[in-house]
């Protein structure tokens, strides 16, 4: 887990912004041009491009330029990092709550 924590930190930082999450959500439906994506965001194109570069820098999206059009594609494999981390946290907390539930029920059974 620790070996990819800086990578995971970057992915979470990229996903921390609502504009970037909206881009990820939109790209979940399929590839889209930067122009189309920017048209849905309430900001200038240069500001929007900072979000695209952040997502690309952390491997969440890939962009391909064809002529004057840059198309963004979701990199679904990168989300496995987040999914693995969340699954590990879920497993840890499920174990803790199971032990707590077992402790509470054993205390109730011991009372007269």
PDB file of N, CA and C in Angstrom:
ATOM      1  N   UNK A   1       0.826  -1.188   0.000  1.00  0.00           N
ATOM      2  CA  UNK A   1       0.000   0.000   0.000  1.00  0.00           C
ATOM      3  C   UNK A   1       0.871   1.253   0.000  1.00  0.00           C
ATOM      4  N   UNK A   2       1.892   1.295   0.859  1.00  0.00           N
ATOM      5  CA  UNK A   2       2.711   2.490   0.966  1.00  0.00           C
ATOM      6  C   UNK A   2       3.484   2.784  -0.311  1.00  0.00           C
ATOM      7  N   UNK A   3       3.770   1.757  -1.095  1.00  0.00           N
ATOM      8  CA  UNK A   3       4.586   1.964  -2.285  1.00  0.00           C
ATOM      9  C   UNK A   3       3.885   2.814  -3.330  1.00  0.00           C
ATOM     10  N   UNK A   4       2.580   2.866  -3.330  1.00  0.00           N
ATOM     11  CA  UNK A   4       1.903   3.712  -4.301  1.00  0.00           C
ATOM     12  C   UNK A   4       1.080   4.808  -3.643  1.00  0.00           C
ATOM     13  N   UNK A   5       1.420   5.171  -2.413  1.00  0.00           N
ATOM     14  CA  UNK A   5       0.620   6.185  -1.733  1.00  0.00           C
ATOM     15  C   UNK A   5       0.746   7.556  -2.387  1.00  0.00           C
ATOM     16  N   UNK A   6       1.919   7.924  -2.908  1.00  0.00           N
ATOM     17  CA  UNK A   6       2.016   9.230  -3.563  1.00  0.00           C
ATOM     18  C   UNK A   6       1.178   9.236  -4.848  1.00  0.00           C
ATOM     19  N   UNK A   7       1.128   8.104  -5.525  1.00  0.00           N
ATOM     20  CA  UNK A   7       0.272   7.990  -6.707  1.00  0.00           C
ATOM     21  C   UNK A   7      -1.185   8.110  -6.305  1.00  0.00           C
ATOM     22  N   UNK A   8      -1.548   7.404  -5.240  1.00  0.00           N
ATOM     23  CA  UNK A   8      -2.927   7.458  -4.755  1.00  0.00           C
ATOM     24  C   UNK A   8      -3.287   8.865  -4.272  1.00  0.00           C
ATOM     25  N   UNK A   9      -2.343   9.523  -3.601  1.00  0.00           N
ATOM     26  CA  UNK A   9      -2.567  10.910  -3.164  1.00  0.00           C
ATOM     27  C   UNK A   9      -2.882  11.805  -4.360  1.00  0.00           C
ATOM     28  N   UNK A  10      -2.140  11.628  -5.439  1.00  0.00           N
ATOM     29  CA  UNK A  10      -2.375  12.423  -6.638  1.00  0.00           C
ATOM     30  C   UNK A  10      -3.734  12.160  -7.253  1.00  0.00           C
ATOM     31  N   UNK A  11      -4.129  10.904  -7.260  1.00  0.00           N
ATOM     32  CA  UNK A  11      -5.437  10.543  -7.822  1.00  0.00           C
ATOM     33  C   UNK A  11      -6.547  11.168  -6.985  1.00  0.00           C
ATOM     34  N   UNK A  12      -6.429  11.063  -5.665  1.00  0.00           N
ATOM     35  CA  UNK A  12      -7.451  11.669  -4.805  1.00  0.00           C
ATOM     36  C   UNK A  12      -7.448  13.192  -4.934  1.00  0.00           C
ATOM     37  N   UNK A  13      -6.273  13.797  -5.059  1.00  0.00           N
ATOM     38  CA  UNK A  13      -6.201  15.251  -5.235  1.00  0.00           C
ATOM     39  C   UNK A  13      -6.881  15.658  -6.541  1.00  0.00           C
ATOM     40  N   UNK A  14      -6.666  14.872  -7.572  1.00  0.00           N
ATOM     41  CA  UNK A  14      -7.300  15.170  -8.863  1.00  0.00           C
ATOM     42  C   UNK A  14      -8.818  15.039  -8.767  1.00  0.00           C
ATOM     43  N   UNK A  15      -9.267  14.082  -7.993  1.00  0.00           N
ATOM     44  CA  UNK A  15     -10.711  13.855  -7.874  1.00  0.00           C
ATOM     45  C   UNK A  15     -11.370  14.765  -6.839  1.00  0.00           C
ATOM     46  N   UNK A  16     -10.567  15.560  -6.122  1.00  0.00           N
ATOM     47  CA  UNK A  16     -11.117  16.407  -5.064  1.00  0.00           C
ATOM     48  C   UNK A  16     -11.900  17.600  -5.610  1.00  0.00           C
ATOM     49  N   UNK A  17     -11.692  17.940  -6.858  1.00  0.00           N
ATOM     50  CA  UNK A  17     -12.336  19.113  -7.429  1.00  0.00           C
ATOM     51  C   UNK A  17     -13.633  18.737  -8.150  1.00  0.00           C
ATOM     52  N   UNK A  18     -14.729  19.471  -7.917  1.00  0.00           N
ATOM     53  CA  UNK A  18     -16.006  19.111  -8.557  1.00  0.00           C
ATOM     54  C   UNK A  18     -15.979  19.213 -10.083  1.00  0.00           C
ATOM     55  N   UNK A  19     -15.207  20.142 -10.621  1.00  0.00           N
ATOM     56  CA  UNK A  19     -15.117  20.238 -12.092  1.00  0.00           C
ATOM     57  C   UNK A  19     -14.455  18.980 -12.651  1.00  0.00           C
ATOM     58  N   UNK A  20     -13.399  18.530 -12.021  1.00  0.00           N
ATOM     59  CA  UNK A  20     -12.704  17.321 -12.509  1.00  0.00           C
ATOM     60  C   UNK A  20     -13.576  16.085 -12.334  1.00  0.00           C
ATOM     61  N   UNK A  21     -14.325  16.026 -11.239  1.00  0.00           N
ATOM     62  CA  UNK A  21     -15.238  14.880 -11.070  1.00  0.00           C
ATOM     63  C   UNK A  21     -16.334  14.909 -12.135  1.00  0.00           C
ATOM     64  N   UNK A  22     -16.788  16.105 -12.499  1.00  0.00           N
ATOM     65  CA  UNK A  22     -17.803  16.213 -13.557  1.00  0.00           C
ATOM     66  C   UNK A  22     -17.224  15.723 -14.887  1.00  0.00           C
ATOM     67  N   UNK A  23     -15.964  16.037 -15.141  1.00  0.00           N
ATOM     68  CA  UNK A  23     -15.321  15.558 -16.374  1.00  0.00           C
ATOM     69  C   UNK A  23     -15.225  14.035 -16.351  1.00  0.00           C
ATOM     70  N   UNK A  24     -14.815  13.482 -15.232  1.00  0.00           N
ATOM     71  CA  UNK A  24     -14.712  12.020 -15.112  1.00  0.00           C
ATOM     72  C   UNK A  24     -16.088  11.386 -15.316  1.00  0.00           C
ATOM     73  N   UNK A  25     -17.105  11.966 -14.690  1.00  0.00           N
ATOM     74  CA  UNK A  25     -18.472  11.449 -14.818  1.00  0.00           C
ATOM     75  C   UNK A  25     -18.916  11.489 -16.285  1.00  0.00           C
ATOM     76  N   UNK A  26     -18.636  12.598 -16.957  1.00  0.00           N
ATOM     77  CA  UNK A  26     -19.031  12.731 -18.364  1.00  0.00           C
ATOM     78  C   UNK A  26     -18.267  11.729 -19.232  1.00  0.00           C
ATOM     79  N   UNK A  27     -16.976  11.558 -18.967  1.00  0.00           N
ATOM     80  CA  UNK A  27     -16.178  10.628 -19.774  1.00  0.00           C
ATOM     81  C   UNK A  27     -16.555   9.174 -19.493  1.00  0.00           C
ATOM     82  N   UNK A  28     -17.237   8.938 -18.403  1.00  0.00           N
ATOM     83  CA  UNK A  28     -17.756   7.596 -18.142  1.00  0.00           C
ATOM     84  C   UNK A  28     -18.776   7.170 -19.186  1.00  0.00           C
ATOM     85  N   UNK A  29     -19.347   8.136 -19.872  1.00  0.00           N
ATOM     86  CA  UNK A  29     -20.318   7.852 -20.934  1.00  0.00           C
ATOM     87  C   UNK A  29     -19.635   7.628 -22.276  1.00  0.00           C
ATOM     88  N   UNK A  30     -18.356   7.992 -22.362  1.00  0.00           N
ATOM     89  CA  UNK A  30     -17.619   7.822 -23.607  1.00  0.00           C
ATOM     90  C   UNK A  30     -16.694   8.999 -23.854  1.00  0.00           C
ATOM     91  N   UNK A  31     -15.803   8.879 -24.826  1.00  0.00           N
ATOM     92  CA  UNK A  31     -14.851   9.954 -25.135  1.00  0.00           C
ATOM     93  C   UNK A  31     -15.576  11.242 -25.521  1.00  0.00           C
ATOM     94  N   UNK A  32     -14.903  12.355 -25.268  1.00  0.00           N
ATOM     95  CA  UNK A  32     -15.462  13.663 -25.617  1.00  0.00           C
ATOM     96  C   UNK A  32     -14.318  14.620 -25.919  1.00  0.00           C
ATOM     97  N   UNK A  33     -14.595  15.582 -26.763  1.00  0.00           N
ATOM     98  CA  UNK A  33     -13.570  16.582 -27.081  1.00  0.00           C
ATOM     99  C   UNK A  33     -13.447  17.563 -25.919  1.00  0.00           C
ATOM    100  N   UNK A  34     -12.286  18.177 -25.827  1.00  0.00           N
ATOM    101  CA  UNK A  34     -12.074  19.187 -24.789  1.00  0.00           C
ATOM    102  C   UNK A  34     -13.079  20.325 -24.964  1.00  0.00           C
ATOM    103  N   UNK A  35     -13.351  20.689 -26.203  1.00  0.00           N
ATOM    104  CA  UNK A  35     -14.315  21.761 -26.462  1.00  0.00           C
ATOM    105  C   UNK A  35     -15.699  21.436 -25.930  1.00  0.00           C
ATOM    106  N   UNK A  36     -16.135  20.192 -26.153  1.00  0.00           N
ATOM    107  CA  UNK A  36     -17.446  19.784 -25.635  1.00  0.00           C
ATOM    108  C   UNK A  36     -17.460  19.777 -24.112  1.00  0.00           C
ATOM    109  N   UNK A  37     -16.380  19.257 -23.528  1.00  0.00           N
ATOM    110  CA  UNK A  37     -16.299  19.203 -22.062  1.00  0.00           C
ATOM    111  C   UNK A  37     -16.260  20.619 -21.479  1.00  0.00           C
ATOM    112  N   UNK A  38     -15.485  21.480 -22.112  1.00  0.00           N
ATOM    113  CA  UNK A  38     -15.357  22.855 -21.614  1.00  0.00           C
ATOM    114  C   UNK A  38     -16.677  23.607 -21.742  1.00  0.00           C
ATOM    115  N   UNK A  39     -17.469  23.263 -22.745  1.00  0.00           N
ATOM    116  CA  UNK A  39     -18.758  23.924 -22.932  1.00  0.00           C
ATOM    117  C   UNK A  39     -19.709  23.682 -21.778  1.00  0.00           C
ATOM    118  N   UNK A  40     -19.494  22.580 -21.048  1.00  0.00           N
ATOM    119  CA  UNK A  40     -20.344  22.251 -19.912  1.00  0.00           C
ATOM    120  C   UNK A  40     -19.850  22.894 -18.613  1.00  0.00           C
ATOM    121  N   UNK A  41     -18.637  23.462 -18.641  1.00  0.00           N
ATOM    122  CA  UNK A  41     -18.051  24.048 -17.433  1.00  0.00           C
ATOM    123  C   UNK A  41     -18.173  25.566 -17.459  1.00  0.00           C
ATOM    124  N   UNK A  42     -18.499  26.176 -16.318  1.00  0.00           N
ATOM    125  CA  UNK A  42     -18.659  27.634 -16.270  1.00  0.00           C
ATOM    126  C   UNK A  42     -17.321  28.354 -16.060  1.00  0.00           C
ATOM    127  N   UNK A  43     -16.422  28.225 -17.029  1.00  0.00           N
ATOM    128  CA  UNK A  43     -15.111  28.874 -16.920  1.00  0.00           C
ATOM    129  C   UNK A  43     -14.508  29.013 -18.306  1.00  0.00           C
ATOM    130  N   UNK A  44     -13.422  29.742 -18.369  1.00  0.00           N
ATOM    131  CA  UNK A  44     -12.757  29.943 -19.656  1.00  0.00           C
ATOM    132  C   UNK A  44     -12.022  28.671 -20.056  1.00  0.00           C
ATOM    133  N   UNK A  45     -11.720  28.552 -21.343  1.00  0.00           N
ATOM    134  CA  UNK A  45     -11.016  27.372 -21.832  1.00  0.00           C
ATOM    135  C   UNK A  45      -9.636  27.203 -21.188  1.00  0.00           C
ATOM    136  N   UNK A  46      -8.834  28.285 -21.035  1.00  0.00           N
ATOM    137  CA  UNK A  46      -7.540  28.094 -20.366  1.00  0.00           C
ATOM    138  C   UNK A  46      -7.682  27.569 -18.934  1.00  0.00           C
ATOM    139  N   UNK A  47      -8.680  28.058 -18.221  1.00  0.00           N
ATOM    140  CA  UNK A  47      -8.905  27.548 -16.854  1.00  0.00           C
ATOM    141  C   UNK A  47      -9.328  26.089 -16.893  1.00  0.00           C
ATOM    142  N   UNK A  48     -10.176  25.753 -17.852  1.00  0.00           N
ATOM    143  CA  UNK A  48     -10.636  24.365 -17.961  1.00  0.00           C
ATOM    144  C   UNK A  48      -9.482  23.437 -18.314  1.00  0.00           C
ATOM    145  N   UNK A  49      -8.581  23.918 -19.157  1.00  0.00           N
ATOM    146  CA  UNK A  49      -7.438  23.093 -19.558  1.00  0.00           C
ATOM    147  C   UNK A  49      -6.557  22.719 -18.366  1.00  0.00           C
ATOM    148  N   UNK A  50      -6.521  23.556 -17.339  1.00  0.00           N
ATOM    149  CA  UNK A  50      -5.757  23.212 -16.130  1.00  0.00           C
ATOM    150  C   UNK A  50      -6.351  21.959 -15.483  1.00  0.00           C
ATOM    151  N   UNK A  51      -7.660  21.842 -15.510  1.00  0.00           N
ATOM    152  CA  UNK A  51      -8.302  20.649 -14.954  1.00  0.00           C
ATOM    153  C   UNK A  51      -8.003  19.424 -15.813  1.00  0.00           C
ATOM    154  N   UNK A  52      -8.032  19.606 -17.113  1.00  0.00           N
ATOM    155  CA  UNK A  52      -7.716  18.481 -18.018  1.00  0.00           C
ATOM    156  C   UNK A  52      -6.278  18.015 -17.789  1.00  0.00           C
ATOM    157  N   UNK A  53      -5.364  18.960 -17.679  1.00  0.00           N
ATOM    158  CA  UNK A  53      -3.956  18.597 -17.458  1.00  0.00           C
ATOM    159  C   UNK A  53      -3.765  17.886 -16.119  1.00  0.00           C
ATOM    160  N   UNK A  54      -4.497  18.317 -15.107  1.00  0.00           N
ATOM    161  CA  UNK A  54      -4.396  17.664 -13.786  1.00  0.00           C
ATOM    162  C   UNK A  54      -4.884  16.221 -13.879  1.00  0.00           C
ATOM    163  N   UNK A  55      -6.008  16.010 -14.535  1.00  0.00           N
ATOM    164  CA  UNK A  55      -6.529  14.643 -14.679  1.00  0.00           C
ATOM    165  C   UNK A  55      -5.578  13.787 -15.503  1.00  0.00           C
ATOM    166  N   UNK A  56      -5.002  14.369 -16.517  1.00  0.00           N
ATOM    167  CA  UNK A  56      -4.075  13.632 -17.377  1.00  0.00           C
ATOM    168  C   UNK A  56      -2.768  13.342 -16.630  1.00  0.00           C
ATOM    169  N   UNK A  57      -2.283  14.309 -15.858  1.00  0.00           N
ATOM    170  CA  UNK A  57      -1.031  14.131 -15.122  1.00  0.00           C
ATOM    171  C   UNK A  57      -1.122  12.989 -14.115  1.00  0.00           C
ATOM    172  N   UNK A  58      -2.305  12.768 -13.578  1.00  0.00           N
ATOM    173  CA  UNK A  58      -2.474  11.704 -12.593  1.00  0.00           C
ATOM    174  C   UNK A  58      -3.047  10.432 -13.208  1.00  0.00           C
ATOM    175  N   UNK A  59      -3.082  10.394 -14.529  1.00  0.00           N
ATOM    176  CA  UNK A  59      -3.420   9.165 -15.236  1.00  0.00           C
ATOM    177  C   UNK A  59      -4.892   8.817 -15.269  1.00  0.00           C
ATOM    178  N   UNK A  60      -5.752   9.744 -14.897  1.00  0.00           N
ATOM    179  CA  UNK A  60      -7.184   9.432 -14.886  1.00  0.00           C
ATOM    180  C   UNK A  60      -7.811   9.529 -16.270  1.00  0.00           C
ATOM    181  N   UNK A  61      -7.226  10.364 -17.111  1.00  0.00           N
ATOM    182  CA  UNK A  61      -7.696  10.457 -18.496  1.00  0.00           C
ATOM    183  C   UNK A  61      -6.490  10.452 -19.422  1.00  0.00           C
ATOM    184  N   UNK A  62      -6.750  10.151 -20.677  1.00  0.00           N
ATOM    185  CA  UNK A  62      -5.753  10.272 -21.739  1.00  0.00           C
ATOM    186  C   UNK A  62      -6.343  11.214 -22.772  1.00  0.00           C
ATOM    187  N   UNK A  63      -5.481  11.965 -23.423  1.00  0.00           N
ATOM    188  CA  UNK A  63      -5.962  12.826 -24.496  1.00  0.00           C
ATOM    189  C   UNK A  63      -5.242  12.471 -25.778  1.00  0.00           C
ATOM    190  N   UNK A  64      -5.963  12.592 -26.858  1.00  0.00           N
ATOM    191  CA  UNK A  64      -5.413  12.323 -28.186  1.00  0.00           C
ATOM    192  C   UNK A  64      -5.776  13.511 -29.063  1.00  0.00           C
ATOM    193  N   UNK A  65      -4.775  14.051 -29.744  1.00  0.00           N
ATOM    194  CA  UNK A  65      -5.046  15.201 -30.608  1.00  0.00           C
ATOM    195  C   UNK A  65      -5.098  14.743 -32.052  1.00  0.00           C
ATOM    196  N   UNK A  66      -6.169  15.114 -32.712  1.00  0.00           N
ATOM    197  CA  UNK A  66      -6.339  14.807 -34.130  1.00  0.00           C
ATOM    198  C   UNK A  66      -6.699  16.116 -34.825  1.00  0.00           C
ATOM    199  N   UNK A  67      -5.745  16.668 -35.544  1.00  0.00           N
ATOM    200  CA  UNK A  67      -5.964  17.975 -36.147  1.00  0.00           C
ATOM    201  C   UNK A  67      -6.056  19.032 -35.065  1.00  0.00           C
ATOM    202  N   UNK A  68      -7.151  19.735 -35.046  1.00  0.00           N
ATOM    203  CA  UNK A  68      -7.331  20.786 -34.032  1.00  0.00           C
ATOM    204  C   UNK A  68      -8.174  20.317 -32.848  1.00  0.00           C
ATOM    205  N   UNK A  69      -8.586  19.067 -32.887  1.00  0.00           N
ATOM    206  CA  UNK A  69      -9.475  18.561 -31.831  1.00  0.00           C
ATOM    207  C   UNK A  69      -8.702  17.639 -30.892  1.00  0.00           C
ATOM    208  N   UNK A  70      -8.785  17.954 -29.606  1.00  0.00           N
ATOM    209  CA  UNK A  70      -8.197  17.089 -28.574  1.00  0.00           C
ATOM    210  C   UNK A  70      -9.334  16.324 -27.915  1.00  0.00           C
ATOM    211  N   UNK A  71      -9.241  15.008 -27.984  1.00  0.00           N
ATOM    212  CA  UNK A  71     -10.282  14.156 -27.427  1.00  0.00           C
ATOM    213  C   UNK A  71      -9.790  13.530 -26.125  1.00  0.00           C
ATOM    214  N   UNK A  72     -10.647  13.516 -25.121  1.00  0.00           N
ATOM    215  CA  UNK A  72     -10.336  12.942 -23.810  1.00  0.00           C
ATOM    216  C   UNK A  72     -11.015  11.583 -23.676  1.00  0.00           C
ATOM    217  N   UNK A  73     -10.264  10.657 -23.098  1.00  0.00           N
ATOM    218  CA  UNK A  73     -10.773   9.302 -22.867  1.00  0.00           C
ATOM    219  C   UNK A  73     -10.469   8.939 -21.419  1.00  0.00           C
ATOM    220  N   UNK A  74     -11.424   8.334 -20.756  1.00  0.00           N
ATOM    221  CA  UNK A  74     -11.235   7.908 -19.377  1.00  0.00           C
ATOM    222  C   UNK A  74     -10.284   6.727 -19.319  1.00  0.00           C
ATOM    223  N   UNK A  75      -9.331   6.756 -18.398  1.00  0.00           N
ATOM    224  CA  UNK A  75      -8.403   5.651 -18.182  1.00  0.00           C
ATOM    225  C   UNK A  75      -8.942   4.810 -17.029  1.00  0.00           C
ATOM    226  N   UNK A  76      -9.787   3.864 -17.362  1.00  0.00           N
ATOM    227  CA  UNK A  76     -10.500   3.083 -16.335  1.00  0.00           C
ATOM    228  C   UNK A  76      -9.567   2.265 -15.452  1.00  0.00           C
ATOM    229  N   UNK A  77      -8.425   1.872 -15.973  1.00  0.00           N
ATOM    230  CA  UNK A  77      -7.484   1.071 -15.176  1.00  0.00           C
ATOM    231  C   UNK A  77      -6.968   1.859 -13.966  1.00  0.00           C
ATOM    232  N   UNK A  78      -6.842   3.158 -14.096  1.00  0.00           N
ATOM    233  CA  UNK A  78      -6.320   3.979 -13.011  1.00  0.00           C
ATOM    234  C   UNK A  78      -7.259   3.969 -11.803  1.00  0.00           C
ATOM    235  N   UNK A  79      -8.527   3.797 -12.059  1.00  0.00           N
ATOM    236  CA  UNK A  79      -9.489   3.795 -10.962  1.00  0.00           C
ATOM    237  C   UNK A  79      -9.385   2.537 -10.111  1.00  0.00           C
ATOM    238  N   UNK A  80      -8.646   1.541 -10.597  1.00  0.00           N
ATOM    239  CA  UNK A  80      -8.419   0.339  -9.796  1.00  0.00           C
ATOM    240  C   UNK A  80      -7.641   0.676  -8.527  1.00  0.00           C
ATOM    241  N   UNK A  81      -6.756   1.681  -8.592  1.00  0.00           N
ATOM    242  CA  UNK A  81      -6.033   2.116  -7.394  1.00  0.00           C
ATOM    243  C   UNK A  81      -7.006   2.548  -6.304  1.00  0.00           C
ATOM    244  N   UNK A  82      -7.961   3.379  -6.688  1.00  0.00           N
ATOM    245  CA  UNK A  82      -8.949   3.877  -5.729  1.00  0.00           C
ATOM    246  C   UNK A  82      -9.818   2.724  -5.234  1.00  0.00           C
ATOM    247  N   UNK A  83     -10.233   1.884  -6.158  1.00  0.00           N
ATOM    248  CA  UNK A  83     -11.088   0.751  -5.799  1.00  0.00           C
ATOM    249  C   UNK A  83     -10.369  -0.191  -4.836  1.00  0.00           C
ATOM    250  N   UNK A  84      -9.094  -0.482  -5.092  1.00  0.00           N
ATOM    251  CA  UNK A  84      -8.320  -1.352  -4.201  1.00  0.00           C
ATOM    252  C   UNK A  84      -8.176  -0.726  -2.814  1.00  0.00           C
ATOM    253  N   UNK A  85      -7.895   0.578  -2.773  1.00  0.00           N
ATOM    254  CA  UNK A  85      -7.735   1.255  -1.490  1.00  0.00           C
ATOM    255  C   UNK A  85      -9.043   1.238  -0.699  1.00  0.00           C
ATOM    256  N   UNK A  86     -10.140   1.535  -1.378  1.00  0.00           N
ATOM    257  CA  UNK A  86     -11.438   1.527  -0.699  1.00  0.00           C
ATOM    258  C   UNK A  86     -11.811   0.126  -0.227  1.00  0.00           C
ATOM    259  N   UNK A  87     -11.502  -0.895  -1.030  1.00  0.00           N
ATOM    260  CA  UNK A  87     -11.801  -2.271  -0.623  1.00  0.00           C
ATOM    261  C   UNK A  87     -11.002  -2.640   0.624  1.00  0.00           C
ATOM    262  N   UNK A  88      -9.738  -2.209   0.672  1.00  0.00           N
ATOM    263  CA  UNK A  88      -8.924  -2.492   1.862  1.00  0.00           C
ATOM    264  C   UNK A  88      -9.496  -1.787   3.083  1.00  0.00           C
ATOM    265  N   UNK A  89      -9.888  -0.524   2.937  1.00  0.00           N
ATOM    266  CA  UNK A  89     -10.477   0.209   4.060  1.00  0.00           C
ATOM    267  C   UNK A  89     -11.790  -0.428   4.508  1.00  0.00           C
ATOM    268  N   UNK A  90     -12.584  -0.863   3.545  1.00  0.00           N
ATOM    269  CA  UNK A  90     -13.859  -1.512   3.859  1.00  0.00           C
ATOM    270  C   UNK A  90     -13.609  -2.795   4.658  1.00  0.00           C
ATOM    271  N   UNK A  91     -12.608  -3.558   4.258  1.00  0.00           N
ATOM    272  CA  UNK A  91     -12.269  -4.806   4.936  1.00  0.00           C
ATOM    273  C   UNK A  91     -11.805  -4.528   6.371  1.00  0.00           C
ATOM    274  N   UNK A  92     -10.964  -3.517   6.545  1.00  0.00           N
ATOM    275  CA  UNK A  92     -10.465  -3.158   7.878  1.00  0.00           C
ATOM    276  C   UNK A  92     -11.625  -2.747   8.780  1.00  0.00           C
ATOM    277  N   UNK A  93     -12.489  -1.863   8.281  1.00  0.00           N
ATOM    278  CA  UNK A  93     -13.579  -1.359   9.113  1.00  0.00           C
ATOM    279  C   UNK A  93     -14.654  -2.407   9.348  1.00  0.00           C
ATOM    280  N   UNK A  94     -14.865  -3.286   8.403  1.00  0.00           N
ATOM    281  CA  UNK A  94     -15.826  -4.369   8.621  1.00  0.00           C
ATOM    282  C   UNK A  94     -15.328  -5.282   9.732  1.00  0.00           C
ATOM    283  N   UNK A  95     -14.026  -5.566   9.749  1.00  0.00           N
ATOM    284  CA  UNK A  95     -13.459  -6.385  10.820  1.00  0.00           C
ATOM    285  C   UNK A  95     -13.609  -5.713  12.174  1.00  0.00           C
ATOM    286  N   UNK A  96     -13.368  -4.421  12.217  1.00  0.00           N
ATOM    287  CA  UNK A  96     -13.499  -3.689  13.485  1.00  0.00           C
ATOM    288  C   UNK A  96     -14.948  -3.668  13.973  1.00  0.00           C
ATOM    289  N   UNK A  97     -15.878  -3.405  13.097  1.00  0.00           N
ATOM    290  CA  UNK A  97     -17.281  -3.361  13.528  1.00  0.00           C
ATOM    291  C   UNK A  97     -17.779  -4.753  13.912  1.00  0.00           C
ATOM    292  N   UNK A  98     -17.271  -5.794  13.233  1.00  0.00           N
ATOM    293  CA  UNK A  98     -17.644  -7.158  13.617  1.00  0.00           C
ATOM    294  C   UNK A  98     -17.142  -7.468  15.020  1.00  0.00           C
ATOM    295  N   UNK A  99     -15.888  -7.078  15.321  1.00  0.00           N
ATOM    296  CA  UNK A  99     -15.348  -7.318  16.667  1.00  0.00           C
ATOM    297  C   UNK A  99     -16.107  -6.512  17.708  1.00  0.00           C
ATOM    298  N   UNK A 100     -16.493  -5.276  17.380  1.00  0.00           N
ATOM    299  CA  UNK A 100     -17.272  -4.455  18.311  1.00  0.00           C
ATOM    300  C   UNK A 100     -18.635  -5.090  18.561  1.00  0.00           C
ATOM    301  N   UNK A 101     -19.279  -5.546  17.511  1.00  0.00           N
ATOM    302  CA  UNK A 101     -20.590  -6.184  17.671  1.00  0.00           C
ATOM    303  C   UNK A 101     -20.467  -7.455  18.515  1.00  0.00           C
ATOM    304  N   UNK A 102     -19.404  -8.210  18.285  1.00  0.00           N
ATOM    305  CA  UNK A 102     -19.191  -9.428  19.073  1.00  0.00           C
ATOM    306  C   UNK A 102     -18.948  -9.080  20.542  1.00  0.00           C
ATOM    307  N   UNK A 103     -18.179  -8.011  20.802  1.00  0.00           N
ATOM    308  CA  UNK A 103     -17.912  -7.578  22.172  1.00  0.00           C
ATOM    309  C   UNK A 103     -19.205  -7.149  22.859  1.00  0.00           C
ATOM    310  N   UNK A 104     -20.022  -6.354  22.177  1.00  0.00           N
ATOM    311  CA  UNK A 104     -21.264  -5.855  22.771  1.00  0.00           C
ATOM    312  C   UNK A 104     -22.225  -7.007  23.050  1.00  0.00           C
ATOM    313  N   UNK A 105     -22.375  -7.914  22.133  1.00  0.00           N
ATOM    314  CA  UNK A 105     -23.313  -9.024  22.353  1.00  0.00           C
ATOM    315  C   UNK A 105     -22.812  -9.960  23.448  1.00  0.00           C
ATOM    316  N   UNK A 106     -21.496 -10.129  23.547  1.00  0.00           N
ATOM    317  CA  UNK A 106     -20.982 -10.991  24.618  1.00  0.00           C
ATOM    318  C   UNK A 106     -21.183 -10.328  25.978  1.00  0.00           C
ATOM    319  N   UNK A 107     -21.099  -8.983  26.057  1.00  0.00           N
ATOM    320  CA  UNK A 107     -21.346  -8.259  27.303  1.00  0.00           C
ATOM    321  C   UNK A 107     -22.806  -8.400  27.717  1.00  0.00           C
ATOM    322  N   UNK A 108     -23.713  -8.340  26.738  1.00  0.00           N
ATOM    323  CA  UNK A 108     -25.137  -8.472  27.030  1.00  0.00           C
ATOM    324  C   UNK A 108     -25.465  -9.877  27.539  1.00  0.00           C
ATOM    325  N   UNK A 109     -24.800 -10.882  26.968  1.00  0.00           N
ATOM    326  CA  UNK A 109     -25.049 -12.261  27.373  1.00  0.00           C
ATOM    327  C   UNK A 109     -24.513 -12.536  28.776  1.00  0.00           C
ATOM    328  N   UNK A 110     -23.431 -11.829  29.172  1.00  0.00           N
ATOM    329  CA  UNK A 110     -22.834 -12.046  30.484  1.00  0.00           C
ATOM    330  C   UNK A 110     -23.617 -11.395  31.615  1.00  0.00           C
ATOM    331  N   UNK A 111     -24.496 -10.428  31.310  1.00  0.00           N
ATOM    332  CA  UNK A 111     -25.260  -9.740  32.354  1.00  0.00           C
ATOM    333  C   UNK A 111     -26.420 -10.623  32.806  1.00  0.00           C
ATOM    334  N   UNK A 112     -26.697 -10.613  34.124  1.00  0.00           N
ATOM    335  CA  UNK A 112     -27.790 -11.457  34.625  1.00  0.00           C
ATOM    336  C   UNK A 112     -29.167 -10.948  34.274  1.00  0.00           C
TER     337      UNK A 112
END
